[in-house]
């Protein structure tokens, strides 16, 4: 989008492969069309696996090519423990990452693409008359939190990459392997509260943060 190779108003045609992705999903049929803007909104709020696959295919031509492209960019950013095999994070034994790598990714989004960060602050998104609510309930309960993304598969448990801003300071937190969304959220709150408490004794940041 930033490079001009894709527009939020561009149209995606849902492939059979994308339509066959398991839930959580929007459930569009093969051949259905959806705008890039709507696909992103549904990925962020619903964690729509079909939309992630369809968007990956739109960008790179196929999901496998998109996974390779993502991996190459990740390694260039220093995410050395990350290997992507699909667009949506569904189970694959060869697909791995680390909490540190996800923090690198979150920081890159914040600092290099601030104009797109607002998508990850969405608390709900309406598509075709139906509202989908974000799985990140902490945006309603934790002061200053404005993103980013939850995740869950059986193998890794309940995960969250979060970002919050207080008094001009922004912190990024990553929690993997929660036994439930409640324990994951509680752990994230403890991490961020501790971080903000430590940061309060540091000199004020010289540059403005997004």
C-alpha atoms as a PDB file:
ATOM      1  CA  UNK A   1       0.000   0.000   0.000  1.00  0.00           C
ATOM      2  CA  UNK A   2       2.742   2.461   0.966  1.00  0.00           C
ATOM      3  CA  UNK A   3       4.650   1.653  -2.239  1.00  0.00           C
ATOM      4  CA  UNK A   4       1.555   2.133  -4.371  1.00  0.00           C
ATOM      5  CA  UNK A   5       1.425  -1.467  -5.589  1.00  0.00           C
ATOM      6  CA  UNK A   6      -1.862  -2.067  -3.776  1.00  0.00           C
ATOM      7  CA  UNK A   7      -4.795   0.170  -2.886  1.00  0.00           C
ATOM      8  CA  UNK A   8      -7.291  -0.182  -0.063  1.00  0.00           C
ATOM      9  CA  UNK A   9      -9.996   0.044  -2.725  1.00  0.00           C
ATOM     10  CA  UNK A  10      -8.552  -2.734  -4.890  1.00  0.00           C
ATOM     11  CA  UNK A  11     -10.733  -5.810  -5.266  1.00  0.00           C
ATOM     12  CA  UNK A  12      -9.754  -9.332  -4.208  1.00  0.00           C
ATOM     13  CA  UNK A  13     -11.346 -12.364  -5.826  1.00  0.00           C
ATOM     14  CA  UNK A  14     -11.687 -15.191  -3.292  1.00  0.00           C
ATOM     15  CA  UNK A  15     -10.070 -18.389  -4.580  1.00  0.00           C
ATOM     16  CA  UNK A  16     -11.262 -21.892  -3.813  1.00  0.00           C
ATOM     17  CA  UNK A  17      -8.155 -22.366  -1.647  1.00  0.00           C
ATOM     18  CA  UNK A  18      -8.952 -19.254   0.380  1.00  0.00           C
ATOM     19  CA  UNK A  19     -12.621 -20.199   0.727  1.00  0.00           C
ATOM     20  CA  UNK A  20     -11.649 -23.643   2.071  1.00  0.00           C
ATOM     21  CA  UNK A  21      -9.691 -22.256   5.039  1.00  0.00           C
ATOM     22  CA  UNK A  22     -11.131 -23.332   8.405  1.00  0.00           C
ATOM     23  CA  UNK A  23     -12.774 -21.011  10.907  1.00  0.00           C
ATOM     24  CA  UNK A  24     -12.448 -18.386  12.072  1.00  0.00           C
ATOM     25  CA  UNK A  25     -13.560 -17.101   8.674  1.00  0.00           C
ATOM     26  CA  UNK A  26     -15.974 -14.808   6.865  1.00  0.00           C
ATOM     27  CA  UNK A  27     -17.230 -17.654   4.688  1.00  0.00           C
ATOM     28  CA  UNK A  28     -17.266 -16.034   1.257  1.00  0.00           C
ATOM     29  CA  UNK A  29     -17.649 -18.468  -1.628  1.00  0.00           C
ATOM     30  CA  UNK A  30     -15.064 -18.992  -4.391  1.00  0.00           C
ATOM     31  CA  UNK A  31     -15.328 -16.201  -6.932  1.00  0.00           C
ATOM     32  CA  UNK A  32     -16.713 -13.701  -4.446  1.00  0.00           C
ATOM     33  CA  UNK A  33     -15.112 -10.267  -4.463  1.00  0.00           C
ATOM     34  CA  UNK A  34     -14.080  -8.113  -1.521  1.00  0.00           C
ATOM     35  CA  UNK A  35     -12.104  -4.899  -1.177  1.00  0.00           C
ATOM     36  CA  UNK A  36      -8.643  -4.910   0.374  1.00  0.00           C
ATOM     37  CA  UNK A  37      -9.905  -2.501   3.044  1.00  0.00           C
ATOM     38  CA  UNK A  38     -12.637  -4.918   4.113  1.00  0.00           C
ATOM     39  CA  UNK A  39     -10.292  -7.913   4.097  1.00  0.00           C
ATOM     40  CA  UNK A  40      -7.893  -6.109   6.452  1.00  0.00           C
ATOM     41  CA  UNK A  41     -10.699  -5.056   8.782  1.00  0.00           C
ATOM     42  CA  UNK A  42     -11.965  -8.638   8.989  1.00  0.00           C
ATOM     43  CA  UNK A  43      -8.482 -10.062   9.549  1.00  0.00           C
ATOM     44  CA  UNK A  44      -7.865  -7.684  12.444  1.00  0.00           C
ATOM     45  CA  UNK A  45     -11.206  -8.141  14.191  1.00  0.00           C
ATOM     46  CA  UNK A  46     -12.477 -11.612  13.261  1.00  0.00           C
ATOM     47  CA  UNK A  47      -9.051 -13.193  12.656  1.00  0.00           C
ATOM     48  CA  UNK A  48     -10.516 -14.297   9.328  1.00  0.00           C
ATOM     49  CA  UNK A  49      -8.306 -17.077   7.975  1.00  0.00           C
ATOM     50  CA  UNK A  50      -9.954 -17.001   4.546  1.00  0.00           C
ATOM     51  CA  UNK A  51      -9.317 -13.269   4.185  1.00  0.00           C
ATOM     52  CA  UNK A  52      -5.652 -13.602   5.209  1.00  0.00           C
ATOM     53  CA  UNK A  53      -5.151 -16.253   2.541  1.00  0.00           C
ATOM     54  CA  UNK A  54      -7.011 -14.242  -0.098  1.00  0.00           C
ATOM     55  CA  UNK A  55      -4.974 -11.116   0.684  1.00  0.00           C
ATOM     56  CA  UNK A  56      -1.724 -13.078   0.550  1.00  0.00           C
ATOM     57  CA  UNK A  57      -2.682 -14.451  -2.850  1.00  0.00           C
ATOM     58  CA  UNK A  58      -3.529 -10.944  -4.045  1.00  0.00           C
ATOM     59  CA  UNK A  59      -0.119  -9.621  -3.001  1.00  0.00           C
ATOM     60  CA  UNK A  60       2.187 -12.453  -4.110  1.00  0.00           C
ATOM     61  CA  UNK A  61       0.172 -14.585  -6.517  1.00  0.00           C
ATOM     62  CA  UNK A  62      -0.131 -17.601  -4.214  1.00  0.00           C
ATOM     63  CA  UNK A  63      -0.175 -18.268  -0.495  1.00  0.00           C
ATOM     64  CA  UNK A  64       3.111 -20.184  -0.619  1.00  0.00           C
ATOM     65  CA  UNK A  65       4.793 -17.309  -2.469  1.00  0.00           C
ATOM     66  CA  UNK A  66       3.393 -14.859   0.078  1.00  0.00           C
ATOM     67  CA  UNK A  67       4.795 -16.953   2.935  1.00  0.00           C
ATOM     68  CA  UNK A  68       8.224 -16.902   1.274  1.00  0.00           C
ATOM     69  CA  UNK A  69       7.980 -13.139   0.762  1.00  0.00           C
ATOM     70  CA  UNK A  70       6.990 -12.636   4.407  1.00  0.00           C
ATOM     71  CA  UNK A  71       9.857 -14.795   5.575  1.00  0.00           C
ATOM     72  CA  UNK A  72      12.374 -12.886   3.466  1.00  0.00           C
ATOM     73  CA  UNK A  73      11.167  -9.547   4.813  1.00  0.00           C
ATOM     74  CA  UNK A  74      11.153 -10.907   8.364  1.00  0.00           C
ATOM     75  CA  UNK A  75      14.775 -12.056   8.094  1.00  0.00           C
ATOM     76  CA  UNK A  76      15.801  -8.700   6.602  1.00  0.00           C
ATOM     77  CA  UNK A  77      14.279  -7.042   9.680  1.00  0.00           C
ATOM     78  CA  UNK A  78      16.232  -9.260  12.065  1.00  0.00           C
ATOM     79  CA  UNK A  79      13.427 -11.736  12.796  1.00  0.00           C
ATOM     80  CA  UNK A  80      15.888 -14.599  12.562  1.00  0.00           C
ATOM     81  CA  UNK A  81      13.802 -17.206  14.394  1.00  0.00           C
ATOM     82  CA  UNK A  82      10.772 -16.763  12.166  1.00  0.00           C
ATOM     83  CA  UNK A  83       9.652 -18.973   9.287  1.00  0.00           C
ATOM     84  CA  UNK A  84       6.253 -18.444   7.674  1.00  0.00           C
ATOM     85  CA  UNK A  85       4.492 -21.218   5.765  1.00  0.00           C
ATOM     86  CA  UNK A  86       1.031 -19.706   5.335  1.00  0.00           C
ATOM     87  CA  UNK A  87      -0.732 -16.367   5.512  1.00  0.00           C
ATOM     88  CA  UNK A  88      -2.968 -16.909   8.526  1.00  0.00           C
ATOM     89  CA  UNK A  89      -0.929 -18.665  11.212  1.00  0.00           C
ATOM     90  CA  UNK A  90      -2.805 -21.966  11.077  1.00  0.00           C
ATOM     91  CA  UNK A  91      -0.801 -24.970  12.311  1.00  0.00           C
ATOM     92  CA  UNK A  92       2.275 -25.998  10.347  1.00  0.00           C
ATOM     93  CA  UNK A  93       5.201 -27.724  12.048  1.00  0.00           C
ATOM     94  CA  UNK A  94       7.688 -25.708   9.974  1.00  0.00           C
ATOM     95  CA  UNK A  95       6.058 -22.373  10.831  1.00  0.00           C
ATOM     96  CA  UNK A  96       7.763 -20.857  13.851  1.00  0.00           C
ATOM     97  CA  UNK A  97       8.487 -17.505  15.443  1.00  0.00           C
ATOM     98  CA  UNK A  98       9.506 -16.026  18.784  1.00  0.00           C
ATOM     99  CA  UNK A  99       8.147 -13.378  21.124  1.00  0.00           C
ATOM    100  CA  UNK A 100      11.143 -11.169  20.341  1.00  0.00           C
ATOM    101  CA  UNK A 101      10.562 -11.485  16.603  1.00  0.00           C
ATOM    102  CA  UNK A 102       6.919 -10.481  16.991  1.00  0.00           C
ATOM    103  CA  UNK A 103       8.009  -7.445  19.005  1.00  0.00           C
ATOM    104  CA  UNK A 104      10.348  -6.478  16.144  1.00  0.00           C
ATOM    105  CA  UNK A 105       7.440  -6.783  13.719  1.00  0.00           C
ATOM    106  CA  UNK A 106       5.137  -4.697  15.908  1.00  0.00           C
ATOM    107  CA  UNK A 107       7.742  -1.972  16.277  1.00  0.00           C
ATOM    108  CA  UNK A 108       8.345  -1.899  12.510  1.00  0.00           C
ATOM    109  CA  UNK A 109       4.626  -1.448  11.898  1.00  0.00           C
ATOM    110  CA  UNK A 110       4.426   1.384  14.418  1.00  0.00           C
ATOM    111  CA  UNK A 111       7.453   3.308  13.238  1.00  0.00           C
ATOM    112  CA  UNK A 112       7.525   2.648   9.497  1.00  0.00           C
ATOM    113  CA  UNK A 113       3.813   2.429   8.706  1.00  0.00           C
ATOM    114  CA  UNK A 114       2.021   4.670  11.228  1.00  0.00           C
ATOM    115  CA  UNK A 115      -0.642   5.527   8.643  1.00  0.00           C
ATOM    116  CA  UNK A 116      -1.779   1.895   8.645  1.00  0.00           C
ATOM    117  CA  UNK A 117      -1.615   1.300  12.395  1.00  0.00           C
ATOM    118  CA  UNK A 118      -5.195   2.489  12.898  1.00  0.00           C
ATOM    119  CA  UNK A 119      -6.448  -0.798  11.469  1.00  0.00           C
ATOM    120  CA  UNK A 120      -4.991  -2.635  14.474  1.00  0.00           C
ATOM    121  CA  UNK A 121      -6.896  -0.332  16.822  1.00  0.00           C
ATOM    122  CA  UNK A 122     -10.271  -1.414  15.443  1.00  0.00           C
ATOM    123  CA  UNK A 123     -12.632  -2.650  18.147  1.00  0.00           C
ATOM    124  CA  UNK A 124     -15.203  -3.767  15.586  1.00  0.00           C
ATOM    125  CA  UNK A 125     -15.692  -3.848  11.846  1.00  0.00           C
ATOM    126  CA  UNK A 126     -18.935  -3.909   9.886  1.00  0.00           C
ATOM    127  CA  UNK A 127     -19.132  -5.820   6.627  1.00  0.00           C
ATOM    128  CA  UNK A 128     -22.298  -6.593   4.674  1.00  0.00           C
ATOM    129  CA  UNK A 129     -24.386  -5.297   7.562  1.00  0.00           C
ATOM    130  CA  UNK A 130     -22.778  -7.547  10.173  1.00  0.00           C
ATOM    131  CA  UNK A 131     -20.468  -6.290  12.917  1.00  0.00           C
ATOM    132  CA  UNK A 132     -17.427  -8.304  13.949  1.00  0.00           C
ATOM    133  CA  UNK A 133     -15.844  -7.477  17.303  1.00  0.00           C
ATOM    134  CA  UNK A 134     -12.132  -7.591  18.047  1.00  0.00           C
ATOM    135  CA  UNK A 135     -10.825 -10.518  20.086  1.00  0.00           C
ATOM    136  CA  UNK A 136      -8.486  -8.109  21.889  1.00  0.00           C
ATOM    137  CA  UNK A 137     -10.701  -7.243  24.834  1.00  0.00           C
ATOM    138  CA  UNK A 138      -7.855  -5.429  26.547  1.00  0.00           C
ATOM    139  CA  UNK A 139      -8.428  -2.431  24.292  1.00  0.00           C
ATOM    140  CA  UNK A 140     -11.567  -1.838  26.344  1.00  0.00           C
ATOM    141  CA  UNK A 141     -10.050  -2.562  29.751  1.00  0.00           C
ATOM    142  CA  UNK A 142      -6.359  -1.582  29.758  1.00  0.00           C
ATOM    143  CA  UNK A 143      -5.658   2.170  29.827  1.00  0.00           C
ATOM    144  CA  UNK A 144      -3.714   3.297  26.784  1.00  0.00           C
ATOM    145  CA  UNK A 145      -3.900   0.076  24.770  1.00  0.00           C
ATOM    146  CA  UNK A 146      -4.671   0.647  21.094  1.00  0.00           C
ATOM    147  CA  UNK A 147      -3.647  -2.622  19.372  1.00  0.00           C
ATOM    148  CA  UNK A 148      -2.397  -4.989  18.016  1.00  0.00           C
ATOM    149  CA  UNK A 149      -3.424  -8.620  17.418  1.00  0.00           C
ATOM    150  CA  UNK A 150      -4.559 -11.770  19.194  1.00  0.00           C
ATOM    151  CA  UNK A 151      -3.950 -15.328  18.029  1.00  0.00           C
ATOM    152  CA  UNK A 152      -4.859 -18.877  19.014  1.00  0.00           C
ATOM    153  CA  UNK A 153      -4.099 -22.400  17.877  1.00  0.00           C
ATOM    154  CA  UNK A 154      -4.096 -25.510  20.055  1.00  0.00           C
ATOM    155  CA  UNK A 155      -0.345 -26.035  19.728  1.00  0.00           C
ATOM    156  CA  UNK A 156       0.624 -22.576  20.964  1.00  0.00           C
ATOM    157  CA  UNK A 157      -2.293 -21.527  23.164  1.00  0.00           C
ATOM    158  CA  UNK A 158      -3.617 -17.992  23.520  1.00  0.00           C
ATOM    159  CA  UNK A 159      -1.241 -15.348  22.177  1.00  0.00           C
ATOM    160  CA  UNK A 160      -1.223 -11.570  22.047  1.00  0.00           C
ATOM    161  CA  UNK A 161       1.003  -8.870  20.593  1.00  0.00           C
ATOM    162  CA  UNK A 162      -0.106  -5.636  22.249  1.00  0.00           C
ATOM    163  CA  UNK A 163       0.862  -1.991  22.280  1.00  0.00           C
ATOM    164  CA  UNK A 164      -0.133   0.742  24.703  1.00  0.00           C
ATOM    165  CA  UNK A 165       0.757   4.388  25.175  1.00  0.00           C
ATOM    166  CA  UNK A 166       0.760   6.441  28.369  1.00  0.00           C
ATOM    167  CA  UNK A 167       2.237   9.864  29.090  1.00  0.00           C
ATOM    168  CA  UNK A 168       3.990  10.000  25.724  1.00  0.00           C
ATOM    169  CA  UNK A 169       5.598   6.571  26.099  1.00  0.00           C
ATOM    170  CA  UNK A 170       4.690   3.534  24.058  1.00  0.00           C
ATOM    171  CA  UNK A 171       5.375  -0.053  25.084  1.00  0.00           C
ATOM    172  CA  UNK A 172       5.020  -3.270  23.114  1.00  0.00           C
ATOM    173  CA  UNK A 173       4.228  -6.516  24.895  1.00  0.00           C
ATOM    174  CA  UNK A 174       4.175 -10.090  23.608  1.00  0.00           C
ATOM    175  CA  UNK A 175       2.629 -13.055  25.418  1.00  0.00           C
ATOM    176  CA  UNK A 176       2.657 -16.565  23.970  1.00  0.00           C
ATOM    177  CA  UNK A 177       1.154 -19.762  25.338  1.00  0.00           C
ATOM    178  CA  UNK A 178      -1.668 -18.541  27.555  1.00  0.00           C
ATOM    179  CA  UNK A 179      -3.887 -21.277  28.965  1.00  0.00           C
ATOM    180  CA  UNK A 180      -6.921 -19.052  28.399  1.00  0.00           C
ATOM    181  CA  UNK A 181      -7.570 -15.581  27.063  1.00  0.00           C
ATOM    182  CA  UNK A 182      -8.069 -14.400  30.644  1.00  0.00           C
ATOM    183  CA  UNK A 183      -4.685 -15.635  31.901  1.00  0.00           C
ATOM    184  CA  UNK A 184      -3.023 -14.290  28.761  1.00  0.00           C
ATOM    185  CA  UNK A 185      -4.587 -10.864  29.282  1.00  0.00           C
ATOM    186  CA  UNK A 186      -3.690 -10.825  32.980  1.00  0.00           C
ATOM    187  CA  UNK A 187      -0.067 -11.626  32.172  1.00  0.00           C
ATOM    188  CA  UNK A 188       0.022  -8.914  29.513  1.00  0.00           C
ATOM    189  CA  UNK A 189      -1.400  -6.359  31.948  1.00  0.00           C
ATOM    190  CA  UNK A 190       1.271  -7.283  34.518  1.00  0.00           C
ATOM    191  CA  UNK A 191       4.046  -6.921  31.914  1.00  0.00           C
ATOM    192  CA  UNK A 192       2.874  -3.564  30.624  1.00  0.00           C
ATOM    193  CA  UNK A 193       2.109  -2.102  34.040  1.00  0.00           C
ATOM    194  CA  UNK A 194       5.572  -3.114  35.198  1.00  0.00           C
ATOM    195  CA  UNK A 195       7.108  -1.595  32.081  1.00  0.00           C
ATOM    196  CA  UNK A 196       5.283   1.705  32.479  1.00  0.00           C
ATOM    197  CA  UNK A 197       6.276   1.859  36.150  1.00  0.00           C
ATOM    198  CA  UNK A 198       9.951   1.433  35.221  1.00  0.00           C
ATOM    199  CA  UNK A 199       9.704   3.903  32.343  1.00  0.00           C
ATOM    200  CA  UNK A 200       8.237   6.599  34.597  1.00  0.00           C
ATOM    201  CA  UNK A 201      11.664   7.074  36.180  1.00  0.00           C
ATOM    202  CA  UNK A 202      13.456   7.546  32.863  1.00  0.00           C
ATOM    203  CA  UNK A 203      14.065  10.846  31.036  1.00  0.00           C
ATOM    204  CA  UNK A 204      11.221  11.967  28.813  1.00  0.00           C
ATOM    205  CA  UNK A 205      11.474  10.664  25.241  1.00  0.00           C
ATOM    206  CA  UNK A 206      13.049  13.187  22.890  1.00  0.00           C
ATOM    207  CA  UNK A 207      11.157  12.160  19.788  1.00  0.00           C
ATOM    208  CA  UNK A 208       7.452  11.889  19.289  1.00  0.00           C
ATOM    209  CA  UNK A 209       6.176   8.345  19.061  1.00  0.00           C
ATOM    210  CA  UNK A 210       3.214   7.175  17.015  1.00  0.00           C
END
